[in-house]
Amino acid sequence: MDPMDDEYLWDRTGPVDADVARLEGLLAPLASRPAVALPRLGVPRLPASPSPVPWRTWLAAAALVLVSLGVSLLAPVAPPTSGDPWRVARVEGTPTIAAAPLARHSAVRPGRWIETDAGSTAVMFVGTIGRLEVAPSSRLRVVTAGPGDHRAELVRGTIEAQIWAPPGQFVIETPSATAVDLGCAYTLTIDEHGVGLITVQGGWVGFEHQGREAFIPAGATGRTWPGRGPGTPTYTDASAALREAVDAIDLAPSEEAQAAPLAVILRDARPQDALTLWHLIDRVSPRHAAAVVDRLHVLVPMPEGVTRDGVLAGNRAMRDAWWTALGLGSADWWRTWRQRWNPGE
């Protein structure tokens, strides 16, 4: 059966596949029957049988069905030609696929754009590894769809992603950064200027653009800026002053403009805001970086083998070891999957 034309599996319309029909015939004896009333204690009340069937007969019949089913499932079948296809289903209004109205649901081939207007929403099934809820006024497309290799592009709007695959199998490209899913749930919004905002509800996400990185764990949020890449992540319960100061540093046009917002961050940072300070080491000018390292050391002392001079010099192994000390997982995950999605680096 062509995965793009499997309407029969969805709602029993369209052409019947021979293998599917044969499997249905084998499973027909196991079809549901009208429910039998159960007593209050939950013990099954079996209907009377004038001629009980010996248990050995039932066992033999069950074995025959299982053997037949196994043969059917092990029989050679033609490999799918479209990898691990996505599907999209209408939820409200009239979303479009390749500019055509989406009546109910459809397979999505790589390269096709999915769009929702102000009054429509949709849900996309990412092969067998997750789903995306597409909010109104959104535009995205599937880039690749294959086992272990799912990539989409969001240029406008909001998606809510729930991915249950192993890390690194799902990637979202945006105008300002690439988001690599590391087994999680998150909300991603891209505004009309290409500015992105991601909030992670579970697991964590890696953001990357031209070597600039951001690690965003559950409970945290982060922006991406066109021409700059990932911003500095903060926890959603951080003080409003700290979060505003982080945005100011990310957009500061000069070293001097970083001084005032940095003072706010160093003053308000809590132990959990070590997440923000760790990222700021690379975000501020070298002149300000020493103050960030010193404050981070107060909140989370440097682990053995990590030195102030080494961190300030950009020693990646030391910085990764300090990240591990934050208790947010190992940076090795990110290094592994970043290399996979950027094989030329």
Protein backbone atom coordinates (compact mmCIF):
# COMPACT_ATOMS: atom_id res chain seq x y z
CA MET A 1 0.00 0.00 0.00
CA ASP A 2 1.26 3.47 -0.82
CA PRO A 3 1.60 5.33 2.55
CA MET A 4 0.34 8.46 0.86
CA ASP A 5 -2.92 6.79 -0.16
CA ASP A 6 -3.82 4.84 2.99
CA GLU A 7 -7.26 6.34 3.41
CA TYR A 8 -8.60 2.83 4.07
CA LEU A 9 -6.63 2.63 7.33
CA TRP A 10 -8.03 5.96 8.50
CA ASP A 11 -11.75 5.70 7.77
CA ARG A 12 -12.17 2.58 5.56
CA THR A 13 -12.52 4.61 2.37
CA GLY A 14 -10.37 4.28 -0.68
CA PRO A 15 -8.92 1.11 -2.26
CA VAL A 16 -8.60 -2.00 -0.10
CA ASP A 17 -5.08 -3.36 0.20
CA ALA A 18 -4.86 -7.14 -0.22
CA ASP A 19 -2.53 -7.66 2.74
CA VAL A 20 -4.74 -5.56 5.00
CA ALA A 21 -7.83 -7.51 3.94
CA ARG A 22 -6.08 -10.81 4.67
CA LEU A 23 -5.03 -9.59 8.11
CA GLU A 24 -8.59 -8.47 8.85
CA GLY A 25 -9.85 -11.93 7.94
CA LEU A 26 -7.42 -13.60 10.30
CA LEU A 27 -8.38 -11.31 13.15
CA ALA A 28 -12.14 -11.50 12.53
CA PRO A 29 -12.68 -14.27 15.14
CA LEU A 30 -11.24 -11.88 17.74
CA ALA A 31 -13.61 -9.02 16.90
CA SER A 32 -15.44 -7.38 19.82
CA ARG A 33 -18.85 -8.71 20.80
CA PRO A 34 -21.68 -6.98 22.65
CA ALA A 35 -20.59 -6.30 26.22
CA VAL A 36 -21.60 -8.77 28.88
CA ALA A 37 -22.91 -7.20 32.09
CA LEU A 38 -20.51 -7.51 34.99
CA PRO A 39 -21.44 -7.76 38.65
CA ARG A 40 -20.46 -5.00 41.03
CA LEU A 41 -17.34 -6.82 42.24
CA GLY A 42 -15.96 -6.95 38.69
CA VAL A 43 -16.07 -10.76 38.32
CA PRO A 44 -17.04 -11.71 34.73
CA ARG A 45 -20.50 -13.22 34.40
CA LEU A 46 -20.10 -15.69 31.56
CA PRO A 47 -23.11 -16.58 29.39
CA ALA A 48 -24.39 -20.13 29.70
CA SER A 49 -23.16 -22.54 27.06
CA PRO A 50 -25.18 -25.68 26.26
CA SER A 51 -22.07 -27.46 25.00
CA PRO A 52 -18.85 -26.10 26.56
CA VAL A 53 -15.84 -26.24 24.31
CA PRO A 54 -12.85 -28.08 25.82
CA TRP A 55 -10.02 -25.75 26.78
CA ARG A 56 -7.56 -27.67 24.59
CA THR A 57 -9.71 -26.81 21.56
CA TRP A 58 -9.60 -23.11 22.41
CA LEU A 59 -5.84 -23.30 22.92
CA ALA A 60 -5.30 -24.97 19.57
CA ALA A 61 -7.48 -22.40 17.80
CA ALA A 62 -5.65 -19.52 19.44
CA ALA A 63 -2.29 -21.00 18.47
CA LEU A 64 -3.43 -21.35 14.86
CA VAL A 65 -4.49 -17.69 14.71
CA LEU A 66 -1.20 -16.53 16.22
CA VAL A 67 0.86 -18.63 13.84
CA SER A 68 -1.13 -17.39 10.85
CA LEU A 69 -0.74 -13.81 12.03
CA GLY A 70 3.01 -14.26 12.48
CA VAL A 71 3.38 -15.63 8.97
CA SER A 72 1.42 -12.68 7.60
CA LEU A 73 3.51 -10.14 9.45
CA LEU A 74 6.80 -11.77 8.50
CA ALA A 75 5.93 -12.07 4.82
CA PRO A 76 8.06 -9.84 2.60
CA VAL A 77 6.46 -6.52 1.83
CA ALA A 78 7.63 -3.72 -0.39
CA PRO A 79 9.53 -1.04 1.60
CA PRO A 80 7.79 2.33 1.81
CA THR A 81 8.93 4.80 -0.78
CA SER A 82 8.30 7.92 1.29
CA GLY A 83 10.29 7.18 4.46
CA ASP A 84 8.31 7.93 7.60
CA PRO A 85 5.47 10.15 6.29
CA TRP A 86 3.80 12.92 8.22
CA ARG A 87 0.06 13.54 8.26
CA VAL A 88 -1.94 16.68 8.92
CA ALA A 89 -5.52 16.85 10.13
CA ARG A 90 -7.90 19.79 10.29
CA VAL A 91 -9.04 20.78 13.78
CA GLU A 92 -10.84 24.10 13.18
CA GLY A 93 -11.47 26.31 10.18
CA THR A 94 -9.83 25.51 6.86
CA PRO A 95 -6.08 25.02 6.96
CA THR A 96 -4.36 24.62 3.61
CA ILE A 97 -1.75 22.21 2.30
CA ALA A 98 0.15 23.34 -0.78
CA ALA A 99 -2.37 26.23 -0.98
CA ALA A 100 -5.33 23.83 -1.29
CA PRO A 101 -7.98 23.61 1.45
CA LEU A 102 -7.53 20.68 3.80
CA ALA A 103 -10.92 19.02 4.12
CA ARG A 104 -10.12 16.46 6.80
CA HIS A 105 -6.63 15.01 6.77
CA SER A 106 -3.84 14.31 4.34
CA ALA A 107 -0.35 12.94 4.04
CA VAL A 108 2.33 15.62 3.86
CA ARG A 109 5.17 15.18 1.42
CA PRO A 110 8.46 17.03 2.06
CA GLY A 111 8.43 20.50 0.56
CA ARG A 112 4.71 21.15 1.01
CA TRP A 113 3.63 24.15 3.07
CA ILE A 114 0.95 23.91 5.75
CA GLU A 115 -0.80 27.19 6.54
CA THR A 116 -3.49 28.24 9.00
CA ASP A 117 -5.31 31.54 8.87
CA ALA A 118 -6.60 33.51 11.85
CA GLY A 119 -9.55 31.14 12.26
CA SER A 120 -8.04 27.72 11.66
CA THR A 121 -5.90 25.18 13.49
CA ALA A 122 -4.42 21.81 12.60
CA VAL A 123 -2.53 18.90 14.10
CA MET A 124 0.43 17.26 12.41
CA PHE A 125 1.66 13.75 13.16
CA VAL A 126 5.45 13.54 12.90
CA GLY A 127 5.73 10.06 11.46
CA THR A 128 5.42 7.82 14.50
CA ILE A 129 7.52 9.92 16.89
CA GLY A 130 5.30 12.82 17.91
CA ARG A 131 2.76 15.48 17.05
CA LEU A 132 2.58 19.22 16.47
CA GLU A 133 -0.42 21.37 17.25
CA VAL A 134 -0.45 24.21 14.74
CA ALA A 135 -1.98 27.46 16.02
CA PRO A 136 -3.78 30.06 13.89
CA SER A 137 -1.77 32.27 11.52
CA SER A 138 1.08 29.77 11.16
CA ARG A 139 3.15 28.64 8.19
CA LEU A 140 5.45 25.61 8.17
CA ARG A 141 6.64 22.85 5.89
CA VAL A 142 8.15 19.40 6.13
CA VAL A 143 11.78 19.34 5.01
CA THR A 144 12.66 15.67 5.55
CA ALA A 145 10.61 12.71 6.77
CA GLY A 146 12.42 9.45 7.37
CA PRO A 147 13.17 7.06 10.23
CA GLY A 148 15.34 8.95 12.69
CA ASP A 149 15.41 12.01 10.43
CA HIS A 150 12.52 14.44 10.79
CA ARG A 151 13.02 18.12 10.00
CA ALA A 152 10.51 20.92 9.53
CA GLU A 153 10.69 24.66 8.96
CA LEU A 154 8.54 27.18 10.84
CA VAL A 155 8.62 30.66 9.34
CA ARG A 156 5.62 32.17 11.12
CA GLY A 157 3.20 31.36 13.91
CA THR A 158 3.13 28.92 16.82
CA ILE A 159 3.47 25.18 17.25
CA GLU A 160 3.19 23.03 20.35
CA ALA A 161 5.45 20.00 19.96
CA GLN A 162 5.24 16.71 21.81
CA ILE A 163 8.04 14.35 20.81
CA TRP A 164 8.50 10.92 22.34
CA ALA A 165 11.39 9.71 20.21
CA PRO A 166 15.00 9.37 21.38
CA PRO A 167 16.97 12.64 21.34
CA GLY A 168 17.93 14.26 18.08
CA GLN A 169 15.33 12.78 15.75
CA PHE A 170 13.29 15.96 15.33
CA VAL A 171 14.56 19.37 14.22
CA ILE A 172 12.77 22.65 13.59
CA GLU A 173 14.42 25.29 11.46
CA THR A 174 13.47 28.95 12.04
CA PRO A 175 14.63 32.20 10.43
CA SER A 176 17.09 32.76 13.28
CA ALA A 177 18.10 29.36 14.74
CA THR A 178 17.73 25.59 14.52
CA ALA A 179 15.97 23.83 17.40
CA VAL A 180 17.10 20.25 18.06
CA ASP A 181 14.65 18.28 20.15
CA LEU A 182 16.25 16.25 22.93
CA GLY A 183 13.13 14.33 23.91
CA CYS A 184 10.63 16.86 25.16
CA ALA A 185 7.56 19.04 24.87
CA TYR A 186 7.77 22.70 23.99
CA THR A 187 6.01 25.70 22.47
CA LEU A 188 7.72 27.66 19.70
CA THR A 189 6.54 30.98 18.28
CA ILE A 190 8.01 32.93 15.37
CA ASP A 191 6.73 36.49 14.93
CA GLU A 192 6.45 38.51 11.72
CA HIS A 193 10.02 39.79 12.17
CA GLY A 194 11.53 36.33 12.52
CA VAL A 195 12.09 36.63 16.26
CA GLY A 196 11.56 33.29 17.99
CA LEU A 197 10.45 32.42 21.51
CA ILE A 198 10.60 28.88 22.86
CA THR A 199 9.25 27.63 26.18
CA VAL A 200 10.13 24.09 27.23
CA GLN A 201 7.63 22.10 29.28
CA GLY A 202 9.56 18.81 29.44
CA GLY A 203 13.01 17.50 28.52
CA TRP A 204 15.22 20.11 26.89
CA VAL A 205 15.95 21.72 23.53
CA GLY A 206 19.19 22.78 21.93
CA PHE A 207 19.24 25.98 19.86
CA GLU A 208 22.07 26.60 17.42
CA HIS A 209 22.99 29.12 14.74
CA GLN A 210 26.45 29.41 13.17
CA GLY A 211 28.19 28.10 16.28
CA ARG A 212 26.16 30.09 18.80
CA GLU A 213 24.38 27.71 21.19
CA ALA A 214 21.69 27.72 23.84
CA PHE A 215 20.59 24.80 26.02
CA ILE A 216 17.02 25.23 27.28
CA PRO A 217 15.76 22.78 29.92
CA ALA A 218 12.23 22.23 31.18
CA GLY A 219 10.82 25.30 32.88
CA ALA A 220 12.99 27.68 30.87
CA THR A 221 12.47 29.92 27.89
CA GLY A 222 14.71 31.48 25.29
CA ARG A 223 14.59 33.83 22.32
CA THR A 224 16.23 33.71 18.93
CA TRP A 225 17.14 36.88 17.09
CA PRO A 226 17.54 37.24 13.29
CA GLY A 227 21.17 37.92 12.49
CA ARG A 228 22.25 37.02 16.03
CA GLY A 229 20.98 33.50 16.68
CA PRO A 230 19.96 32.06 20.03
CA GLY A 231 19.57 34.45 22.92
CA THR A 232 20.29 33.75 26.58
CA PRO A 233 17.81 31.36 28.24
CA THR A 234 16.09 32.17 31.51
CA TYR A 235 13.74 30.31 33.78
CA THR A 236 10.13 31.39 33.44
CA ASP A 237 9.94 32.15 37.17
CA ALA A 238 13.01 34.41 37.15
CA SER A 239 12.40 38.02 38.12
CA ALA A 240 10.96 40.27 35.43
CA ALA A 241 13.92 42.60 35.89
CA LEU A 242 16.38 39.79 35.20
CA ARG A 243 14.53 38.62 32.10
CA GLU A 244 14.33 42.16 30.72
CA ALA A 245 18.04 42.64 31.41
CA VAL A 246 18.86 39.43 29.53
CA ASP A 247 17.04 40.69 26.43
CA ALA A 248 18.87 44.01 26.75
CA ILE A 249 22.24 42.26 26.79
CA ASP A 250 21.33 40.05 23.83
CA LEU A 251 20.49 43.17 21.81
CA ALA A 252 23.11 45.53 23.25
CA PRO A 253 24.92 47.37 20.44
CA SER A 254 28.13 47.86 22.40
CA GLU A 255 30.15 46.74 25.39
CA GLU A 256 29.14 49.85 27.28
CA ALA A 257 25.45 49.09 26.73
CA GLN A 258 25.89 45.72 28.45
CA ALA A 259 27.08 47.15 31.77
CA ALA A 260 23.77 48.30 33.28
CA PRO A 261 21.66 45.21 32.46
CA LEU A 262 24.50 42.94 33.56
CA ALA A 263 24.53 44.61 36.97
CA VAL A 264 20.82 43.75 37.33
CA ILE A 265 21.42 40.10 36.41
CA LEU A 266 24.34 39.69 38.82
CA ARG A 267 22.25 41.24 41.58
CA ASP A 268 19.05 39.22 41.02
CA ALA A 269 20.48 35.84 40.03
CA ARG A 270 19.38 32.90 42.21
CA PRO A 271 21.20 29.54 42.32
CA GLN A 272 18.90 28.17 39.59
CA ASP A 273 19.74 31.19 37.44
CA ALA A 274 23.18 29.68 37.02
CA LEU A 275 21.63 28.49 33.75
CA THR A 276 21.53 32.10 32.56
CA LEU A 277 24.98 33.02 33.87
CA TRP A 278 26.60 30.00 32.22
CA HIS A 279 25.29 31.17 28.83
CA LEU A 280 26.23 34.79 29.49
CA ILE A 281 29.94 33.94 29.60
CA ASP A 282 29.82 33.85 25.80
CA ARG A 283 27.23 36.60 25.42
CA VAL A 284 29.01 39.49 27.13
CA SER A 285 32.27 41.17 26.18
CA PRO A 286 35.54 39.72 27.53
CA ARG A 287 35.77 42.65 29.92
CA HIS A 288 32.45 41.69 31.54
CA ALA A 289 32.93 37.92 31.37
CA ALA A 290 35.11 37.78 34.50
CA ALA A 291 32.31 39.21 36.64
CA VAL A 292 29.90 36.61 35.24
CA VAL A 293 32.32 33.75 35.98
CA ASP A 294 32.88 34.98 39.53
CA ARG A 295 29.15 35.24 40.26
CA LEU A 296 28.49 31.82 38.75
CA HIS A 297 31.22 30.34 40.94
CA VAL A 298 29.44 31.73 44.01
CA LEU A 299 26.15 30.10 42.98
CA VAL A 300 27.61 26.82 41.67
CA PRO A 301 31.28 26.29 42.55
CA MET A 302 33.56 25.16 39.75
CA PRO A 303 34.02 21.37 39.75
CA GLU A 304 37.42 19.76 40.02
CA GLY A 305 39.55 20.35 36.97
CA VAL A 306 37.80 23.59 35.98
CA THR A 307 39.70 26.84 36.40
CA ARG A 308 38.72 30.48 36.12
CA ASP A 309 41.43 31.18 33.53
CA GLY A 310 40.45 28.14 31.49
CA VAL A 311 36.78 29.11 31.37
CA LEU A 312 37.62 32.70 30.41
CA ALA A 313 39.95 31.40 27.69
CA GLY A 314 37.05 29.46 26.16
CA ASN A 315 38.10 25.94 27.13
CA ARG A 316 35.05 23.97 25.99
CA ALA A 317 35.76 20.88 28.07
CA MET A 318 35.87 23.00 31.22
CA ARG A 319 32.70 24.84 30.35
CA ASP A 320 30.91 21.59 29.60
CA ALA A 321 32.09 20.14 32.92
CA TRP A 322 30.72 23.20 34.70
CA TRP A 323 27.43 22.78 32.84
CA THR A 324 27.21 19.22 34.12
CA ALA A 325 27.68 20.57 37.64
CA LEU A 326 24.50 22.62 37.21
CA GLY A 327 22.54 19.36 37.44
CA LEU A 328 20.82 19.77 34.07
CA GLY A 329 22.32 16.79 32.31
CA SER A 330 25.48 16.30 30.32
CA ALA A 331 26.46 18.53 27.41
CA ASP A 332 27.72 15.39 25.66
CA TRP A 333 24.16 14.78 24.44
CA TRP A 334 24.12 18.09 22.68
CA ARG A 335 27.58 17.66 21.19
CA THR A 336 26.57 14.27 19.77
CA TRP A 337 23.34 15.42 18.17
CA ARG A 338 24.70 18.76 17.02
CA GLN A 339 27.40 16.90 15.09
CA ARG A 340 24.74 14.68 13.56
CA TRP A 341 22.69 17.60 12.27
CA ASN A 342 25.77 19.64 11.26
CA PRO A 343 28.05 16.93 9.78
CA GLY A 344 30.26 19.50 8.04
CA GLU A 345 31.45 21.02 11.31
